[in-house]
Amino acid sequence: MAKPGKKGVRRIIDATGYSFRGLAAAWQHEAAFRQELMLALVAIPAACWLAQNKYELLWLLLPLFLLVMAELTNSAIEAVVDRIGQEHHELSGRAKDIGSALVFVCLVLLGVIWSVVLLPIPF
């Protein structure tokens, strides 16, 4: 018989703890995560200052959060691949490359959105 999972507030509290452990692990073990989080911590106040309305602010903040999410995903993929083994395997390399591509696409998106919102581009 399957053991019943946690429910209610206890599950929410535990899940929050796991999330903070994940953030701490990413901070401790992933230089790219630290760099992108520092970028976000500088860019968030800049976005608040530069945005002319709440919609511009949301557009400036969205890609920053997506970038951090992408880096967390990439770090998780790398950790799982490395857990399986350190020897080179085509699929392992492909998984890591695709995770890296996810982060790159988010960086491009960030640049595009910030450019469109902040530069006087006539449409």
PDB file of N, CA and C in Angstrom:
ATOM      1  N   MET A   1       0.846  -1.169   0.000  1.00  0.00           N
ATOM      2  CA  MET A   1       0.000   0.000   0.000  1.00  0.00           C
ATOM      3  C   MET A   1       0.894   1.236   0.000  1.00  0.00           C
ATOM      4  N   ALA A   2       0.567   2.192  -0.841  1.00  0.00           N
ATOM      5  CA  ALA A   2       1.370   3.407  -0.972  1.00  0.00           C
ATOM      6  C   ALA A   2       1.209   4.295   0.260  1.00  0.00           C
ATOM      7  N   LYS A   3       2.309   4.863   0.649  1.00  0.00           N
ATOM      8  CA  LYS A   3       2.307   5.778   1.786  1.00  0.00           C
ATOM      9  C   LYS A   3       1.655   7.100   1.353  1.00  0.00           C
ATOM     10  N   PRO A   4       0.661   7.562   2.100  1.00  0.00           N
ATOM     11  CA  PRO A   4       0.010   8.812   1.702  1.00  0.00           C
ATOM     12  C   PRO A   4       0.963   9.994   1.859  1.00  0.00           C
ATOM     13  N   GLY A   5       0.883  10.926   0.914  1.00  0.00           N
ATOM     14  CA  GLY A   5       1.740  12.095   0.947  1.00  0.00           C
ATOM     15  C   GLY A   5       1.241  13.118   1.948  1.00  0.00           C
ATOM     16  N   LYS A   6       2.082  14.103   2.174  1.00  0.00           N
ATOM     17  CA  LYS A   6       1.707  15.187   3.077  1.00  0.00           C
ATOM     18  C   LYS A   6       0.652  16.040   2.413  1.00  0.00           C
ATOM     19  N   LYS A   7      -0.190  16.657   3.236  1.00  0.00           N
ATOM     20  CA  LYS A   7      -1.285  17.454   2.706  1.00  0.00           C
ATOM     21  C   LYS A   7      -1.368  18.781   3.458  1.00  0.00           C
ATOM     22  N   GLY A   8      -2.072  19.694   2.829  1.00  0.00           N
ATOM     23  CA  GLY A   8      -2.393  20.946   3.481  1.00  0.00           C
ATOM     24  C   GLY A   8      -1.185  21.841   3.716  1.00  0.00           C
ATOM     25  N   VAL A   9      -1.233  22.513   4.843  1.00  0.00           N
ATOM     26  CA  VAL A   9      -0.214  23.503   5.179  1.00  0.00           C
ATOM     27  C   VAL A   9       1.165  22.848   5.328  1.00  0.00           C
ATOM     28  N   ARG A  10       1.230  21.650   5.871  1.00  0.00           N
ATOM     29  CA  ARG A  10       2.523  20.960   6.042  1.00  0.00           C
ATOM     30  C   ARG A  10       3.211  20.756   4.695  1.00  0.00           C
ATOM     31  N   ARG A  11       2.445  20.372   3.687  1.00  0.00           N
ATOM     32  CA  ARG A  11       3.002  20.172   2.353  1.00  0.00           C
ATOM     33  C   ARG A  11       3.533  21.486   1.789  1.00  0.00           C
ATOM     34  N   ILE A  12       2.794  22.560   1.993  1.00  0.00           N
ATOM     35  CA  ILE A  12       3.226  23.875   1.502  1.00  0.00           C
ATOM     36  C   ILE A  12       4.507  24.324   2.214  1.00  0.00           C
ATOM     37  N   ILE A  13       4.569  24.117   3.504  1.00  0.00           N
ATOM     38  CA  ILE A  13       5.760  24.490   4.273  1.00  0.00           C
ATOM     39  C   ILE A  13       6.965  23.677   3.815  1.00  0.00           C
ATOM     40  N   ASP A  14       6.780  22.369   3.671  1.00  0.00           N
ATOM     41  CA  ASP A  14       7.878  21.515   3.213  1.00  0.00           C
ATOM     42  C   ASP A  14       8.331  21.897   1.808  1.00  0.00           C
ATOM     43  N   ALA A  15       7.373  22.133   0.906  1.00  0.00           N
ATOM     44  CA  ALA A  15       7.714  22.501  -0.472  1.00  0.00           C
ATOM     45  C   ALA A  15       8.491  23.816  -0.507  1.00  0.00           C
ATOM     46  N   THR A  16       8.113  24.761   0.337  1.00  0.00           N
ATOM     47  CA  THR A  16       8.835  26.035   0.409  1.00  0.00           C
ATOM     48  C   THR A  16      10.266  25.803   0.879  1.00  0.00           C
ATOM     49  N   GLY A  17      10.441  24.927   1.847  1.00  0.00           N
ATOM     50  CA  GLY A  17      11.782  24.593   2.326  1.00  0.00           C
ATOM     51  C   GLY A  17      12.630  23.961   1.237  1.00  0.00           C
ATOM     52  N   TYR A  18      12.030  23.051   0.459  1.00  0.00           N
ATOM     53  CA  TYR A  18      12.770  22.430  -0.643  1.00  0.00           C
ATOM     54  C   TYR A  18      13.173  23.477  -1.676  1.00  0.00           C
ATOM     55  N   SER A  19      12.293  24.428  -1.932  1.00  0.00           N
ATOM     56  CA  SER A  19      12.594  25.486  -2.902  1.00  0.00           C
ATOM     57  C   SER A  19      13.775  26.331  -2.427  1.00  0.00           C
ATOM     58  N   PHE A  20      13.779  26.690  -1.163  1.00  0.00           N
ATOM     59  CA  PHE A  20      14.896  27.479  -0.639  1.00  0.00           C
ATOM     60  C   PHE A  20      16.194  26.677  -0.632  1.00  0.00           C
ATOM     61  N   ARG A  21      16.099  25.380  -0.366  1.00  0.00           N
ATOM     62  CA  ARG A  21      17.296  24.527  -0.471  1.00  0.00           C
ATOM     63  C   ARG A  21      17.826  24.507  -1.886  1.00  0.00           C
ATOM     64  N   GLY A  22      16.922  24.445  -2.857  1.00  0.00           N
ATOM     65  CA  GLY A  22      17.333  24.466  -4.258  1.00  0.00           C
ATOM     66  C   GLY A  22      17.999  25.778  -4.633  1.00  0.00           C
ATOM     67  N   LEU A  23      17.439  26.894  -4.186  1.00  0.00           N
ATOM     68  CA  LEU A  23      18.058  28.196  -4.451  1.00  0.00           C
ATOM     69  C   LEU A  23      19.439  28.282  -3.807  1.00  0.00           C
ATOM     70  N   ALA A  24      19.553  27.796  -2.582  1.00  0.00           N
ATOM     71  CA  ALA A  24      20.846  27.819  -1.891  1.00  0.00           C
ATOM     72  C   ALA A  24      21.870  26.938  -2.607  1.00  0.00           C
ATOM     73  N   ALA A  25      21.437  25.772  -3.081  1.00  0.00           N
ATOM     74  CA  ALA A  25      22.349  24.873  -3.803  1.00  0.00           C
ATOM     75  C   ALA A  25      22.799  25.511  -5.110  1.00  0.00           C
ATOM     76  N   ALA A  26      21.872  26.149  -5.822  1.00  0.00           N
ATOM     77  CA  ALA A  26      22.240  26.818  -7.075  1.00  0.00           C
ATOM     78  C   ALA A  26      23.237  27.941  -6.786  1.00  0.00           C
ATOM     79  N   TRP A  27      22.999  28.700  -5.739  1.00  0.00           N
ATOM     80  CA  TRP A  27      23.917  29.792  -5.374  1.00  0.00           C
ATOM     81  C   TRP A  27      25.299  29.242  -5.034  1.00  0.00           C
ATOM     82  N   GLN A  28      25.343  28.168  -4.287  1.00  0.00           N
ATOM     83  CA  GLN A  28      26.612  27.606  -3.820  1.00  0.00           C
ATOM     84  C   GLN A  28      27.404  26.948  -4.952  1.00  0.00           C
ATOM     85  N   HIS A  29      26.715  26.277  -5.872  1.00  0.00           N
ATOM     86  CA  HIS A  29      27.412  25.431  -6.838  1.00  0.00           C
ATOM     87  C   HIS A  29      27.449  25.965  -8.270  1.00  0.00           C
ATOM     88  N   GLU A  30      26.695  27.006  -8.586  1.00  0.00           N
ATOM     89  CA  GLU A  30      26.561  27.444  -9.970  1.00  0.00           C
ATOM     90  C   GLU A  30      26.937  28.916 -10.129  1.00  0.00           C
ATOM     91  N   ALA A  31      28.131  29.155 -10.692  1.00  0.00           N
ATOM     92  CA  ALA A  31      28.602  30.525 -10.910  1.00  0.00           C
ATOM     93  C   ALA A  31      27.663  31.291 -11.842  1.00  0.00           C
ATOM     94  N   ALA A  32      27.158  30.636 -12.879  1.00  0.00           N
ATOM     95  CA  ALA A  32      26.254  31.313 -13.818  1.00  0.00           C
ATOM     96  C   ALA A  32      24.982  31.770 -13.103  1.00  0.00           C
ATOM     97  N   PHE A  33      24.470  30.964 -12.184  1.00  0.00           N
ATOM     98  CA  PHE A  33      23.288  31.359 -11.417  1.00  0.00           C
ATOM     99  C   PHE A  33      23.591  32.599 -10.585  1.00  0.00           C
ATOM    100  N   ARG A  34      24.744  32.608  -9.933  1.00  0.00           N
ATOM    101  CA  ARG A  34      25.110  33.786  -9.127  1.00  0.00           C
ATOM    102  C   ARG A  34      25.202  35.029 -10.011  1.00  0.00           C
ATOM    103  N   GLN A  35      25.815  34.890 -11.198  1.00  0.00           N
ATOM    104  CA  GLN A  35      25.954  36.037 -12.096  1.00  0.00           C
ATOM    105  C   GLN A  35      24.592  36.536 -12.570  1.00  0.00           C
ATOM    106  N   GLU A  36      23.731  35.643 -12.955  1.00  0.00           N
ATOM    107  CA  GLU A  36      22.428  36.050 -13.466  1.00  0.00           C
ATOM    108  C   GLU A  36      21.536  36.591 -12.360  1.00  0.00           C
ATOM    109  N   LEU A  37      21.668  36.054 -11.155  1.00  0.00           N
ATOM    110  CA  LEU A  37      20.898  36.594 -10.044  1.00  0.00           C
ATOM    111  C   LEU A  37      21.388  38.000  -9.690  1.00  0.00           C
ATOM    112  N   MET A  38      22.696  38.210  -9.739  1.00  0.00           N
ATOM    113  CA  MET A  38      23.227  39.556  -9.480  1.00  0.00           C
ATOM    114  C   MET A  38      22.764  40.528 -10.567  1.00  0.00           C
ATOM    115  N   LEU A  39      22.735  40.087 -11.825  1.00  0.00           N
ATOM    116  CA  LEU A  39      22.198  40.915 -12.904  1.00  0.00           C
ATOM    117  C   LEU A  39      20.753  41.293 -12.588  1.00  0.00           C
ATOM    118  N   ALA A  40      19.963  40.328 -12.177  1.00  0.00           N
ATOM    119  CA  ALA A  40      18.563  40.597 -11.850  1.00  0.00           C
ATOM    120  C   ALA A  40      18.445  41.568 -10.677  1.00  0.00           C
ATOM    121  N   LEU A  41      19.294  41.417  -9.675  1.00  0.00           N
ATOM    122  CA  LEU A  41      19.223  42.301  -8.508  1.00  0.00           C
ATOM    123  C   LEU A  41      19.608  43.741  -8.849  1.00  0.00           C
ATOM    124  N   VAL A  42      20.412  43.929  -9.876  1.00  0.00           N
ATOM    125  CA  VAL A  42      20.735  45.276 -10.351  1.00  0.00           C
ATOM    126  C   VAL A  42      19.649  45.764 -11.304  1.00  0.00           C
ATOM    127  N   ALA A  43      19.177  44.887 -12.177  1.00  0.00           N
ATOM    128  CA  ALA A  43      18.212  45.286 -13.208  1.00  0.00           C
ATOM    129  C   ALA A  43      16.815  45.537 -12.652  1.00  0.00           C
ATOM    130  N   ILE A  44      16.422  44.879 -11.581  1.00  0.00           N
ATOM    131  CA  ILE A  44      15.077  45.092 -11.021  1.00  0.00           C
ATOM    132  C   ILE A  44      14.896  46.538 -10.557  1.00  0.00           C
ATOM    133  N   PRO A  45      15.817  47.093  -9.746  1.00  0.00           N
ATOM    134  CA  PRO A  45      15.652  48.514  -9.402  1.00  0.00           C
ATOM    135  C   PRO A  45      15.745  49.424 -10.626  1.00  0.00           C
ATOM    136  N   ALA A  46      16.620  49.069 -11.581  1.00  0.00           N
ATOM    137  CA  ALA A  46      16.727  49.867 -12.811  1.00  0.00           C
ATOM    138  C   ALA A  46      15.398  49.845 -13.557  1.00  0.00           C
ATOM    139  N   ALA A  47      14.762  48.700 -13.633  1.00  0.00           N
ATOM    140  CA  ALA A  47      13.467  48.591 -14.304  1.00  0.00           C
ATOM    141  C   ALA A  47      12.417  49.447 -13.608  1.00  0.00           C
ATOM    142  N   CYS A  48      12.436  49.430 -12.281  1.00  0.00           N
ATOM    143  CA  CYS A  48      11.482  50.253 -11.524  1.00  0.00           C
ATOM    144  C   CYS A  48      11.691  51.737 -11.817  1.00  0.00           C
ATOM    145  N   TRP A  49      12.922  52.139 -11.997  1.00  0.00           N
ATOM    146  CA  TRP A  49      13.249  53.537 -12.262  1.00  0.00           C
ATOM    147  C   TRP A  49      12.956  53.915 -13.719  1.00  0.00           C
ATOM    148  N   LEU A  50      13.237  53.024 -14.653  1.00  0.00           N
ATOM    149  CA  LEU A  50      13.111  53.324 -16.072  1.00  0.00           C
ATOM    150  C   LEU A  50      11.697  53.180 -16.620  1.00  0.00           C
ATOM    151  N   ALA A  51      10.930  52.288 -16.052  1.00  0.00           N
ATOM    152  CA  ALA A  51       9.590  52.033 -16.573  1.00  0.00           C
ATOM    153  C   ALA A  51       8.702  53.255 -16.385  1.00  0.00           C
ATOM    154  N   GLN A  52       7.915  53.534 -17.401  1.00  0.00           N
ATOM    155  CA  GLN A  52       7.033  54.698 -17.339  1.00  0.00           C
ATOM    156  C   GLN A  52       5.624  54.340 -16.888  1.00  0.00           C
ATOM    157  N   ASN A  53       5.325  53.059 -16.837  1.00  0.00           N
ATOM    158  CA  ASN A  53       4.029  52.623 -16.308  1.00  0.00           C
ATOM    159  C   ASN A  53       4.155  51.173 -15.851  1.00  0.00           C
ATOM    160  N   LYS A  54       3.088  50.678 -15.264  1.00  0.00           N
ATOM    161  CA  LYS A  54       3.159  49.324 -14.701  1.00  0.00           C
ATOM    162  C   LYS A  54       3.324  48.254 -15.771  1.00  0.00           C
ATOM    163  N   TYR A  55       2.846  48.502 -16.980  1.00  0.00           N
ATOM    164  CA  TYR A  55       2.992  47.513 -18.041  1.00  0.00           C
ATOM    165  C   TYR A  55       4.435  47.435 -18.523  1.00  0.00           C
ATOM    166  N   GLU A  56       5.087  48.571 -18.657  1.00  0.00           N
ATOM    167  CA  GLU A  56       6.511  48.552 -19.008  1.00  0.00           C
ATOM    168  C   GLU A  56       7.310  47.859 -17.914  1.00  0.00           C
ATOM    169  N   LEU A  57       6.970  48.120 -16.668  1.00  0.00           N
ATOM    170  CA  LEU A  57       7.673  47.472 -15.561  1.00  0.00           C
ATOM    171  C   LEU A  57       7.525  45.957 -15.651  1.00  0.00           C
ATOM    172  N   LEU A  58       6.319  45.489 -15.902  1.00  0.00           N
ATOM    173  CA  LEU A  58       6.113  44.043 -16.031  1.00  0.00           C
ATOM    174  C   LEU A  58       6.914  43.472 -17.193  1.00  0.00           C
ATOM    175  N   TRP A  59       6.953  44.180 -18.323  1.00  0.00           N
ATOM    176  CA  TRP A  59       7.720  43.701 -19.477  1.00  0.00           C
ATOM    177  C   TRP A  59       9.219  43.674 -19.185  1.00  0.00           C
ATOM    178  N   LEU A  60       9.698  44.615 -18.382  1.00  0.00           N
ATOM    179  CA  LEU A  60      11.130  44.626 -18.049  1.00  0.00           C
ATOM    180  C   LEU A  60      11.478  43.544 -17.024  1.00  0.00           C
ATOM    181  N   LEU A  61      10.547  43.254 -16.124  1.00  0.00           N
ATOM    182  CA  LEU A  61      10.813  42.249 -15.088  1.00  0.00           C
ATOM    183  C   LEU A  61      10.659  40.821 -15.602  1.00  0.00           C
ATOM    184  N   LEU A  62       9.712  40.593 -16.488  1.00  0.00           N
ATOM    185  CA  LEU A  62       9.420  39.238 -16.965  1.00  0.00           C
ATOM    186  C   LEU A  62      10.655  38.491 -17.468  1.00  0.00           C
ATOM    187  N   PRO A  63      11.451  39.061 -18.379  1.00  0.00           N
ATOM    188  CA  PRO A  63      12.593  38.275 -18.874  1.00  0.00           C
ATOM    189  C   PRO A  63      13.666  38.050 -17.820  1.00  0.00           C
ATOM    190  N   LEU A  64      13.739  38.901 -16.809  1.00  0.00           N
ATOM    191  CA  LEU A  64      14.703  38.670 -15.727  1.00  0.00           C
ATOM    192  C   LEU A  64      14.329  37.417 -14.938  1.00  0.00           C
ATOM    193  N   PHE A  65      13.048  37.291 -14.626  1.00  0.00           N
ATOM    194  CA  PHE A  65      12.596  36.102 -13.910  1.00  0.00           C
ATOM    195  C   PHE A  65      12.716  34.853 -14.784  1.00  0.00           C
ATOM    196  N   LEU A  66      12.394  34.997 -16.080  1.00  0.00           N
ATOM    197  CA  LEU A  66      12.553  33.859 -16.995  1.00  0.00           C
ATOM    198  C   LEU A  66      14.012  33.417 -17.078  1.00  0.00           C
ATOM    199  N   LEU A  67      14.928  34.370 -17.078  1.00  0.00           N
ATOM    200  CA  LEU A  67      16.355  34.047 -17.133  1.00  0.00           C
ATOM    201  C   LEU A  67      16.780  33.249 -15.906  1.00  0.00           C
ATOM    202  N   VAL A  68      16.365  33.675 -14.735  1.00  0.00           N
ATOM    203  CA  VAL A  68      16.721  32.952 -13.506  1.00  0.00           C
ATOM    204  C   VAL A  68      16.081  31.563 -13.525  1.00  0.00           C
ATOM    205  N   MET A  69      14.845  31.472 -13.990  1.00  0.00           N
ATOM    206  CA  MET A  69      14.188  30.172 -14.089  1.00  0.00           C
ATOM    207  C   MET A  69      14.917  29.258 -15.065  1.00  0.00           C
ATOM    208  N   ALA A  70      15.345  29.813 -16.195  1.00  0.00           N
ATOM    209  CA  ALA A  70      16.066  29.016 -17.185  1.00  0.00           C
ATOM    210  C   ALA A  70      17.389  28.521 -16.616  1.00  0.00           C
ATOM    211  N   GLU A  71      18.087  29.372 -15.876  1.00  0.00           N
ATOM    212  CA  GLU A  71      19.359  28.951 -15.294  1.00  0.00           C
ATOM    213  C   GLU A  71      19.150  27.866 -14.246  1.00  0.00           C
ATOM    214  N   LEU A  72      18.089  27.969 -13.468  1.00  0.00           N
ATOM    215  CA  LEU A  72      17.783  26.904 -12.505  1.00  0.00           C
ATOM    216  C   LEU A  72      17.506  25.588 -13.232  1.00  0.00           C
ATOM    217  N   THR A  73      16.767  25.656 -14.327  1.00  0.00           N
ATOM    218  CA  THR A  73      16.487  24.455 -15.123  1.00  0.00           C
ATOM    219  C   THR A  73      17.767  23.875 -15.697  1.00  0.00           C
ATOM    220  N   ASN A  74      18.598  24.735 -16.262  1.00  0.00           N
ATOM    221  CA  ASN A  74      19.872  24.291 -16.830  1.00  0.00           C
ATOM    222  C   ASN A  74      20.752  23.645 -15.751  1.00  0.00           C
ATOM    223  N   SER A  75      20.803  24.258 -14.589  1.00  0.00           N
ATOM    224  CA  SER A  75      21.608  23.700 -13.493  1.00  0.00           C
ATOM    225  C   SER A  75      21.078  22.337 -13.056  1.00  0.00           C
ATOM    226  N   ALA A  76      19.756  22.191 -13.017  1.00  0.00           N
ATOM    227  CA  ALA A  76      19.161  20.903 -12.639  1.00  0.00           C
ATOM    228  C   ALA A  76      19.505  19.834 -13.672  1.00  0.00           C
ATOM    229  N   ILE A  77      19.423  20.187 -14.951  1.00  0.00           N
ATOM    230  CA  ILE A  77      19.767  19.237 -16.012  1.00  0.00           C
ATOM    231  C   ILE A  77      21.224  18.808 -15.867  1.00  0.00           C
ATOM    232  N   GLU A  78      22.115  19.783 -15.670  1.00  0.00           N
ATOM    233  CA  GLU A  78      23.536  19.460 -15.532  1.00  0.00           C
ATOM    234  C   GLU A  78      23.792  18.560 -14.326  1.00  0.00           C
ATOM    235  N   ALA A  79      23.110  18.829 -13.210  1.00  0.00           N
ATOM    236  CA  ALA A  79      23.305  18.007 -12.016  1.00  0.00           C
ATOM    237  C   ALA A  79      22.872  16.568 -12.257  1.00  0.00           C
ATOM    238  N   VAL A  80      21.745  16.381 -12.918  1.00  0.00           N
ATOM    239  CA  VAL A  80      21.258  15.026 -13.195  1.00  0.00           C
ATOM    240  C   VAL A  80      22.203  14.306 -14.152  1.00  0.00           C
ATOM    241  N   VAL A  81      22.634  15.004 -15.199  1.00  0.00           N
ATOM    242  CA  VAL A  81      23.556  14.380 -16.164  1.00  0.00           C
ATOM    243  C   VAL A  81      24.860  14.001 -15.468  1.00  0.00           C
ATOM    244  N   ASP A  82      25.389  14.899 -14.647  1.00  0.00           N
ATOM    245  CA  ASP A  82      26.639  14.610 -13.944  1.00  0.00           C
ATOM    246  C   ASP A  82      26.461  13.482 -12.932  1.00  0.00           C
ATOM    247  N   ARG A  83      25.280  13.332 -12.365  1.00  0.00           N
ATOM    248  CA  ARG A  83      25.000  12.256 -11.415  1.00  0.00           C
ATOM    249  C   ARG A  83      25.080  10.900 -12.099  1.00  0.00           C
ATOM    250  N   ILE A  84      24.660  10.872 -13.365  1.00  0.00           N
ATOM    251  CA  ILE A  84      24.659   9.620 -14.119  1.00  0.00           C
ATOM    252  C   ILE A  84      26.081   9.159 -14.402  1.00  0.00           C
ATOM    253  N   GLY A  85      26.960  10.110 -14.711  1.00  0.00           N
ATOM    254  CA  GLY A  85      28.343   9.734 -14.966  1.00  0.00           C
ATOM    255  C   GLY A  85      29.129  10.869 -15.590  1.00  0.00           C
ATOM    256  N   GLN A  86      30.434  10.844 -15.384  1.00  0.00           N
ATOM    257  CA  GLN A  86      31.303  11.900 -15.891  1.00  0.00           C
ATOM    258  C   GLN A  86      31.847  11.604 -17.290  1.00  0.00           C
ATOM    259  N   GLU A  87      31.719  10.354 -17.751  1.00  0.00           N
ATOM    260  CA  GLU A  87      32.231  10.032 -19.079  1.00  0.00           C
ATOM    261  C   GLU A  87      31.366  10.718 -20.136  1.00  0.00           C
ATOM    262  N   HIS A  88      32.017  11.036 -21.256  1.00  0.00           N
ATOM    263  CA  HIS A  88      31.307  11.740 -22.322  1.00  0.00           C
ATOM    264  C   HIS A  88      30.307  10.803 -22.998  1.00  0.00           C
ATOM    265  N   HIS A  89      29.090  11.304 -23.166  1.00  0.00           N
ATOM    266  CA  HIS A  89      28.071  10.584 -23.914  1.00  0.00           C
ATOM    267  C   HIS A  89      27.329  11.607 -24.764  1.00  0.00           C
ATOM    268  N   GLU A  90      27.040  11.248 -25.992  1.00  0.00           N
ATOM    269  CA  GLU A  90      26.391  12.184 -26.928  1.00  0.00           C
ATOM    270  C   GLU A  90      25.088  12.753 -26.358  1.00  0.00           C
ATOM    271  N   LEU A  91      24.262  11.928 -25.760  1.00  0.00           N
ATOM    272  CA  LEU A  91      22.983  12.404 -25.229  1.00  0.00           C
ATOM    273  C   LEU A  91      23.176  13.308 -24.016  1.00  0.00           C
ATOM    274  N   SER A  92      24.165  13.004 -23.186  1.00  0.00           N
ATOM    275  CA  SER A  92      24.457  13.868 -22.040  1.00  0.00           C
ATOM    276  C   SER A  92      24.907  15.242 -22.519  1.00  0.00           C
ATOM    277  N   GLY A  93      25.803  15.245 -23.510  1.00  0.00           N
ATOM    278  CA  GLY A  93      26.256  16.515 -24.065  1.00  0.00           C
ATOM    279  C   GLY A  93      25.118  17.288 -24.702  1.00  0.00           C
ATOM    280  N   ARG A  94      24.241  16.574 -25.398  1.00  0.00           N
ATOM    281  CA  ARG A  94      23.103  17.224 -26.029  1.00  0.00           C
ATOM    282  C   ARG A  94      22.173  17.847 -24.981  1.00  0.00           C
ATOM    283  N   ALA A  95      21.917  17.126 -23.908  1.00  0.00           N
ATOM    284  CA  ALA A  95      21.049  17.650 -22.842  1.00  0.00           C
ATOM    285  C   ALA A  95      21.644  18.932 -22.243  1.00  0.00           C
ATOM    286  N   LYS A  96      22.937  18.901 -21.981  1.00  0.00           N
ATOM    287  CA  LYS A  96      23.593  20.093 -21.421  1.00  0.00           C
ATOM    288  C   LYS A  96      23.572  21.251 -22.415  1.00  0.00           C
ATOM    289  N   ASP A  97      23.808  20.958 -23.687  1.00  0.00           N
ATOM    290  CA  ASP A  97      23.796  22.010 -24.714  1.00  0.00           C
ATOM    291  C   ASP A  97      22.404  22.621 -24.861  1.00  0.00           C
ATOM    292  N   ILE A  98      21.375  21.793 -24.798  1.00  0.00           N
ATOM    293  CA  ILE A  98      20.009  22.304 -24.921  1.00  0.00           C
ATOM    294  C   ILE A  98      19.657  23.161 -23.705  1.00  0.00           C
ATOM    295  N   GLY A  99      20.098  22.759 -22.526  1.00  0.00           N
ATOM    296  CA  GLY A  99      19.886  23.589 -21.333  1.00  0.00           C
ATOM    297  C   GLY A  99      20.587  24.923 -21.467  1.00  0.00           C
ATOM    298  N   SER A 100      21.790  24.903 -21.994  1.00  0.00           N
ATOM    299  CA  SER A 100      22.535  26.141 -22.224  1.00  0.00           C
ATOM    300  C   SER A 100      21.822  27.014 -23.255  1.00  0.00           C
ATOM    301  N   ALA A 101      21.268  26.386 -24.291  1.00  0.00           N
ATOM    302  CA  ALA A 101      20.529  27.125 -25.311  1.00  0.00           C
ATOM    303  C   ALA A 101      19.300  27.807 -24.708  1.00  0.00           C
ATOM    304  N   LEU A 102      18.652  27.159 -23.760  1.00  0.00           N
ATOM    305  CA  LEU A 102      17.510  27.753 -23.059  1.00  0.00           C
ATOM    306  C   LEU A 102      17.912  29.056 -22.385  1.00  0.00           C
ATOM    307  N   VAL A 103      19.032  29.042 -21.694  1.00  0.00           N
ATOM    308  CA  VAL A 103      19.523  30.249 -21.033  1.00  0.00           C
ATOM    309  C   VAL A 103      19.856  31.323 -22.070  1.00  0.00           C
ATOM    310  N   PHE A 104      20.505  30.924 -23.158  1.00  0.00           N
ATOM    311  CA  PHE A 104      20.875  31.875 -24.210  1.00  0.00           C
ATOM    312  C   PHE A 104      19.634  32.545 -24.814  1.00  0.00           C
ATOM    313  N   VAL A 105      18.610  31.760 -25.096  1.00  0.00           N
ATOM    314  CA  VAL A 105      17.378  32.314 -25.660  1.00  0.00           C
ATOM    315  C   VAL A 105      16.748  33.312 -24.684  1.00  0.00           C
ATOM    316  N   CYS A 106      16.792  33.006 -23.403  1.00  0.00           N
ATOM    317  CA  CYS A 106      16.261  33.952 -22.406  1.00  0.00           C
ATOM    318  C   CYS A 106      17.078  35.237 -22.370  1.00  0.00           C
ATOM    319  N   LEU A 107      18.392  35.138 -22.520  1.00  0.00           N
ATOM    320  CA  LEU A 107      19.228  36.344 -22.573  1.00  0.00           C
ATOM    321  C   LEU A 107      18.905  37.184 -23.806  1.00  0.00           C
ATOM    322  N   VAL A 108      18.703  36.531 -24.948  1.00  0.00           N
ATOM    323  CA  VAL A 108      18.324  37.261 -26.164  1.00  0.00           C
ATOM    324  C   VAL A 108      16.961  37.921 -25.963  1.00  0.00           C
ATOM    325  N   LEU A 109      16.012  37.185 -25.410  1.00  0.00           N
ATOM    326  CA  LEU A 109      14.688  37.738 -25.135  1.00  0.00           C
ATOM    327  C   LEU A 109      14.783  38.950 -24.218  1.00  0.00           C
ATOM    328  N   LEU A 110      15.609  38.845 -23.192  1.00  0.00           N
ATOM    329  CA  LEU A 110      15.805  39.970 -22.280  1.00  0.00           C
ATOM    330  C   LEU A 110      16.299  41.195 -23.050  1.00  0.00           C
ATOM    331  N   GLY A 111      17.301  41.010 -23.907  1.00  0.00           N
ATOM    332  CA  GLY A 111      17.838  42.116 -24.687  1.00  0.00           C
ATOM    333  C   GLY A 111      16.810  42.714 -25.628  1.00  0.00           C
ATOM    334  N   VAL A 112      16.020  41.868 -26.277  1.00  0.00           N
ATOM    335  CA  VAL A 112      14.996  42.345 -27.216  1.00  0.00           C
ATOM    336  C   VAL A 112      13.928  43.142 -26.468  1.00  0.00           C
ATOM    337  N   ILE A 113      13.415  42.592 -25.394  1.00  0.00           N
ATOM    338  CA  ILE A 113      12.350  43.273 -24.658  1.00  0.00           C
ATOM    339  C   ILE A 113      12.842  44.591 -24.080  1.00  0.00           C
ATOM    340  N   TRP A 114      14.011  44.593 -23.454  1.00  0.00           N
ATOM    341  CA  TRP A 114      14.517  45.842 -22.892  1.00  0.00           C
ATOM    342  C   TRP A 114      14.756  46.876 -23.994  1.00  0.00           C
ATOM    343  N   SER A 115      15.233  46.446 -25.147  1.00  0.00           N
ATOM    344  CA  SER A 115      15.452  47.376 -26.263  1.00  0.00           C
ATOM    345  C   SER A 115      14.138  47.961 -26.761  1.00  0.00           C
ATOM    346  N   VAL A 116      13.149  47.103 -26.956  1.00  0.00           N
ATOM    347  CA  VAL A 116      11.856  47.577 -27.465  1.00  0.00           C
ATOM    348  C   VAL A 116      11.195  48.524 -26.469  1.00  0.00           C
ATOM    349  N   VAL A 117      11.259  48.201 -25.191  1.00  0.00           N
ATOM    350  CA  VAL A 117      10.602  49.036 -24.185  1.00  0.00           C
ATOM    351  C   VAL A 117      11.339  50.355 -23.986  1.00  0.00           C
ATOM    352  N   LEU A 118      12.662  50.316 -23.985  1.00  0.00           N
ATOM    353  CA  LEU A 118      13.424  51.500 -23.573  1.00  0.00           C
ATOM    354  C   LEU A 118      13.928  52.362 -24.710  1.00  0.00           C
ATOM    355  N   LEU A 119      14.115  51.812 -25.908  1.00  0.00           N
ATOM    356  CA  LEU A 119      14.645  52.615 -27.004  1.00  0.00           C
ATOM    357  C   LEU A 119      13.506  53.204 -27.823  1.00  0.00           C
ATOM    358  N   PRO A 120      13.718  54.409 -28.311  1.00  0.00           N
ATOM    359  CA  PRO A 120      12.651  55.049 -29.110  1.00  0.00           C
ATOM    360  C   PRO A 120      12.603  54.472 -30.522  1.00  0.00           C
ATOM    361  N   ILE A 121      11.968  53.311 -30.650  1.00  0.00           N
ATOM    362  CA  ILE A 121      11.835  52.659 -31.948  1.00  0.00           C
ATOM    363  C   ILE A 121      10.452  53.013 -32.495  1.00  0.00           C
ATOM    364  N   PRO A 122      10.395  53.696 -33.632  1.00  0.00           N
ATOM    365  CA  PRO A 122       9.067  54.060 -34.170  1.00  0.00           C
ATOM    366  C   PRO A 122       8.368  52.847 -34.802  1.00  0.00           C
ATOM    367  N   PHE A 123       7.100  52.715 -34.508  1.00  0.00           N
ATOM    368  CA  PHE A 123       6.284  51.649 -35.095  1.00  0.00           C
ATOM    369  C   PHE A 123       5.069  52.255 -35.740  1.00  0.00           C
TER     370      PHE A 123
END
